[in-house]
Amino acid sequence: MDFRIIRDKITIRMVNRELHQKELEDKVYREFLDLAAVFYLISDPNNPGSFATPVTKEMAREWIVEEDELYEIAMYNMDNTMEICIKNILISMVEMLQSDACKSDMECIIEDMQELADAEERKEQMFVIADISRMNGAVALLRGDLLQKYADMLEKDLVIIPSSVHELICIRDSKNFDYDALKRVVSEVNREMVKADEVLSNNIYRYSRTEKCLEIIA
């Protein structure tokens, strides 16, 4: 397989490194905090449901390509094909209801939630970070430029909750946060509500506006 032909189909998916330790043994990936940025070859970058296969070490050897080069290529591809969006969490829920539910049955609920969302948006407290297909949003953790832009807009550090491999929850940092309590909630939600193969992490992250870096805070 000629790498020059398929290089524009290389992408990244984020997984928990410890939970996927066995699966990662023969794969090419970059360590990132407690996660692994795993390289994938996707059949159609513009189709969220298209076939994808992880890049193995053997594949990389055949292509004569190193991890650093794969990372550069994947990030370039995602910058050009993946649309990351940040939305008020209630607005995000309204959109999900509008797409998944019968409007006649849910109209009153949707209208009430929309009113709440409009009010909450003015407070700018809690947001969902996801890609437009809601399939691979956790890759936004690698987008320091995006996180910095948003932190600058809010003039605050960002607390980031790993909701799943598909999306993240972002909160303006506050001195009132009990990070350990928040971590316990995340662990419980992961255990009870998130599919095992979609769990991203039980840890809580913070993006520092001044240091311009992401770290585990609990």
Protein backbone atom coordinates (compact mmCIF):
# COMPACT_ATOMS: atom_id res chain seq x y z
CA MET A 1 0.00 0.00 0.00
CA ASP A 2 1.49 3.31 -1.12
CA PHE A 3 1.50 5.68 1.87
CA ARG A 4 1.35 8.71 -0.42
CA ILE A 5 -2.11 7.59 -1.53
CA ILE A 6 -3.59 7.03 1.92
CA ARG A 7 -1.86 9.70 4.02
CA ASP A 8 -4.94 11.97 3.89
CA LYS A 9 -6.95 9.19 5.55
CA ILE A 10 -4.86 9.07 8.75
CA THR A 11 -6.66 10.27 11.86
CA ILE A 12 -6.52 9.94 15.66
CA ARG A 13 -8.82 8.50 18.27
CA MET A 14 -8.30 8.98 22.01
CA VAL A 15 -8.50 6.02 24.39
CA ASN A 16 -7.59 5.33 27.99
CA ARG A 17 -4.05 3.95 27.98
CA GLU A 18 -4.40 1.67 31.00
CA LEU A 19 -7.78 0.23 30.01
CA HIS A 20 -6.52 -0.54 26.49
CA GLN A 21 -2.99 -1.57 27.40
CA LYS A 22 -3.21 -5.03 25.80
CA GLU A 23 -4.79 -3.76 22.58
CA LEU A 24 -2.13 -1.09 22.21
CA GLU A 25 0.84 -3.46 22.24
CA ASP A 26 1.08 -3.70 18.43
CA LYS A 27 -0.41 -0.29 17.62
CA VAL A 28 1.22 3.05 16.87
CA TYR A 29 0.14 5.74 19.32
CA ARG A 30 1.32 8.80 21.21
CA GLU A 31 1.08 8.96 25.00
CA PHE A 32 -0.90 11.94 26.23
CA LEU A 33 -1.43 12.32 29.99
CA ASP A 34 -3.24 9.10 31.00
CA LEU A 35 -4.48 8.58 27.45
CA ALA A 36 -3.25 7.24 24.14
CA ALA A 37 -3.71 9.10 20.86
CA VAL A 38 -4.11 6.10 18.57
CA PHE A 39 -3.56 6.46 14.83
CA TYR A 40 -6.28 5.14 12.55
CA LEU A 41 -6.65 4.66 8.82
CA ILE A 42 -10.19 5.67 7.88
CA SER A 43 -11.82 4.78 4.56
CA ASP A 44 -13.69 8.08 4.16
CA PRO A 45 -12.65 11.00 6.40
CA ASN A 46 -15.86 12.89 5.53
CA ASN A 47 -18.16 10.04 6.58
CA PRO A 48 -18.42 9.46 10.38
CA GLY A 49 -19.69 5.91 9.83
CA SER A 50 -16.91 4.85 7.50
CA PHE A 51 -14.64 1.89 8.18
CA ALA A 52 -11.56 2.57 10.31
CA THR A 53 -8.65 0.36 11.29
CA PRO A 54 -5.85 1.15 13.78
CA VAL A 55 -2.37 1.67 12.40
CA THR A 56 -0.13 -1.17 13.55
CA LYS A 57 3.62 -1.05 14.04
CA GLU A 58 3.97 -3.41 11.08
CA MET A 59 1.97 -1.04 8.85
CA ALA A 60 4.16 1.89 9.92
CA ARG A 61 7.30 -0.11 9.10
CA GLU A 62 5.94 -0.94 5.64
CA TRP A 63 5.16 2.72 5.03
CA ILE A 64 8.57 3.74 6.45
CA VAL A 65 6.93 6.38 8.61
CA GLU A 66 7.64 7.32 12.23
CA GLU A 67 5.15 8.22 14.97
CA ASP A 68 6.07 11.93 14.86
CA GLU A 69 5.29 12.13 11.15
CA LEU A 70 2.02 10.24 11.61
CA TYR A 71 1.03 12.69 14.32
CA GLU A 72 1.74 15.70 12.12
CA ILE A 73 -0.22 14.20 9.24
CA ALA A 74 -3.17 13.18 11.42
CA MET A 75 -3.44 16.59 13.07
CA TYR A 76 -3.29 18.30 9.67
CA ASN A 77 -6.01 16.00 8.32
CA MET A 78 -8.27 16.58 11.32
CA ASP A 79 -7.79 20.35 11.14
CA ASN A 80 -9.12 20.18 7.58
CA THR A 81 -11.90 17.59 7.93
CA MET A 82 -13.09 17.55 11.56
CA GLU A 83 -15.27 20.33 12.87
CA ILE A 84 -14.92 20.71 16.65
CA CYS A 85 -17.70 22.69 18.30
CA ILE A 86 -18.20 24.07 21.81
CA LYS A 87 -21.80 24.52 22.91
CA ASN A 88 -23.75 25.29 26.05
CA ILE A 89 -24.61 21.92 27.57
CA LEU A 90 -28.35 22.56 27.57
CA ILE A 91 -28.29 23.69 23.94
CA SER A 92 -26.46 20.47 23.14
CA MET A 93 -29.18 18.46 24.90
CA VAL A 94 -31.90 20.35 23.01
CA GLU A 95 -30.23 19.51 19.70
CA MET A 96 -30.03 15.83 20.67
CA LEU A 97 -33.73 15.78 21.56
CA GLN A 98 -34.66 17.54 18.34
CA SER A 99 -32.78 15.00 16.26
CA ASP A 100 -33.75 11.85 18.18
CA ALA A 101 -37.29 12.48 19.39
CA CYS A 102 -40.67 13.04 17.83
CA LYS A 103 -41.26 16.79 17.97
CA SER A 104 -44.97 16.44 18.71
CA ASP A 105 -44.21 14.33 21.80
CA MET A 106 -41.28 16.40 23.04
CA GLU A 107 -42.18 19.92 21.92
CA CYS A 108 -42.98 21.31 25.39
CA ILE A 109 -39.87 19.79 26.96
CA ILE A 110 -37.67 21.09 24.15
CA GLU A 111 -39.12 24.60 24.43
CA ASP A 112 -38.57 24.65 28.22
CA MET A 113 -34.99 23.41 27.84
CA GLN A 114 -34.34 25.98 25.10
CA GLU A 115 -35.38 28.78 27.48
CA LEU A 116 -33.05 27.41 30.16
CA ALA A 117 -30.26 27.06 27.62
CA ASP A 118 -30.62 30.67 26.48
CA ALA A 119 -30.37 31.82 30.10
CA GLU A 120 -27.42 29.58 30.90
CA GLU A 121 -25.55 30.61 27.78
CA ARG A 122 -25.38 34.15 29.08
CA LYS A 123 -23.72 32.83 32.25
CA GLU A 124 -21.14 30.86 30.21
CA GLN A 125 -20.69 28.19 32.87
CA MET A 126 -20.80 24.69 31.35
CA PHE A 127 -20.24 23.55 27.78
CA VAL A 128 -19.91 20.42 25.68
CA ILE A 129 -16.88 19.99 23.42
CA ALA A 130 -17.51 17.55 20.57
CA ASP A 131 -16.95 17.06 16.90
CA ILE A 132 -19.98 17.69 14.73
CA SER A 133 -20.63 13.95 14.23
CA ARG A 134 -20.44 13.28 18.01
CA MET A 135 -18.18 10.33 17.29
CA ASN A 136 -14.63 11.37 18.21
CA GLY A 137 -14.82 14.58 20.20
CA ALA A 138 -12.21 13.69 22.83
CA VAL A 139 -9.53 14.36 20.23
CA ALA A 140 -10.14 18.05 21.05
CA LEU A 141 -7.81 17.48 24.02
CA LEU A 142 -4.96 17.63 21.51
CA ARG A 143 -6.16 20.99 20.17
CA GLY A 144 -4.26 23.37 22.40
CA ASP A 145 -5.07 26.23 20.04
CA LEU A 146 -8.80 25.65 20.47
CA LEU A 147 -8.57 25.33 24.26
CA GLN A 148 -6.45 28.45 24.49
CA LYS A 149 -8.87 30.44 22.36
CA TYR A 150 -11.79 29.42 24.56
CA ALA A 151 -9.90 30.06 27.82
CA ASP A 152 -9.04 33.53 26.54
CA MET A 153 -12.69 34.17 25.67
CA LEU A 154 -13.77 33.24 29.20
CA GLU A 155 -10.69 34.79 30.82
CA LYS A 156 -10.43 31.65 32.97
CA ASP A 157 -8.67 28.32 33.17
CA LEU A 158 -10.82 25.44 31.93
CA VAL A 159 -11.79 22.36 33.94
CA ILE A 160 -12.38 19.52 31.49
CA ILE A 161 -14.44 16.46 32.37
CA PRO A 162 -13.88 13.40 30.14
CA SER A 163 -17.50 12.54 29.44
CA SER A 164 -16.58 9.81 26.93
CA VAL A 165 -14.38 9.19 23.90
CA HIS A 166 -17.02 11.13 21.95
CA GLU A 167 -17.29 14.36 23.93
CA LEU A 168 -15.94 16.41 26.80
CA ILE A 169 -17.60 18.71 29.31
CA CYS A 170 -15.89 22.03 29.91
CA ILE A 171 -16.40 24.24 32.99
CA ARG A 172 -14.85 27.56 33.91
CA ASP A 173 -12.41 26.92 36.75
CA SER A 174 -13.39 28.19 40.19
CA LYS A 175 -11.85 28.28 43.65
CA ASN A 176 -15.07 26.66 44.89
CA PHE A 177 -14.54 23.41 42.98
CA ASP A 178 -13.94 20.24 44.94
CA TYR A 179 -11.91 18.41 42.30
CA ASP A 180 -11.79 15.15 44.23
CA ALA A 181 -15.58 15.11 44.62
CA LEU A 182 -15.92 15.84 40.90
CA LYS A 183 -13.60 12.94 40.14
CA ARG A 184 -15.76 10.61 42.24
CA VAL A 185 -18.81 11.66 40.26
CA VAL A 186 -17.02 11.02 36.96
CA SER A 187 -15.91 7.58 38.14
CA GLU A 188 -19.46 6.70 39.16
CA VAL A 189 -20.94 7.89 35.88
CA ASN A 190 -18.32 5.94 33.92
CA ARG A 191 -19.10 2.82 35.90
CA GLU A 192 -22.89 3.06 35.73
CA MET A 193 -23.75 4.96 32.55
CA VAL A 194 -20.96 4.91 29.96
CA LYS A 195 -20.32 1.91 27.72
CA ALA A 196 -17.08 0.19 28.68
CA ASP A 197 -15.46 0.78 25.28
CA GLU A 198 -16.43 4.48 25.39
CA VAL A 199 -14.94 5.33 28.80
CA LEU A 200 -12.17 7.88 28.37
CA SER A 201 -10.87 8.55 31.89
CA ASN A 202 -11.81 8.83 35.55
CA ASN A 203 -9.45 11.76 35.93
CA ILE A 204 -10.22 15.48 35.75
CA TYR A 205 -8.16 17.81 33.54
CA ARG A 206 -7.43 21.52 33.65
CA TYR A 207 -6.23 23.72 30.84
CA SER A 208 -4.09 26.56 32.18
CA ARG A 209 -4.67 29.80 30.33
CA THR A 210 -1.32 31.26 31.40
CA GLU A 211 0.82 28.14 31.11
CA LYS A 212 -0.96 27.05 27.90
CA CYS A 213 -0.96 23.41 28.86
CA LEU A 214 -3.31 20.62 29.91
CA GLU A 215 -2.76 18.68 33.14
CA ILE A 216 -4.47 16.13 35.37
CA ILE A 217 -5.74 17.86 38.51
CA ALA A 218 -7.58 14.96 40.20
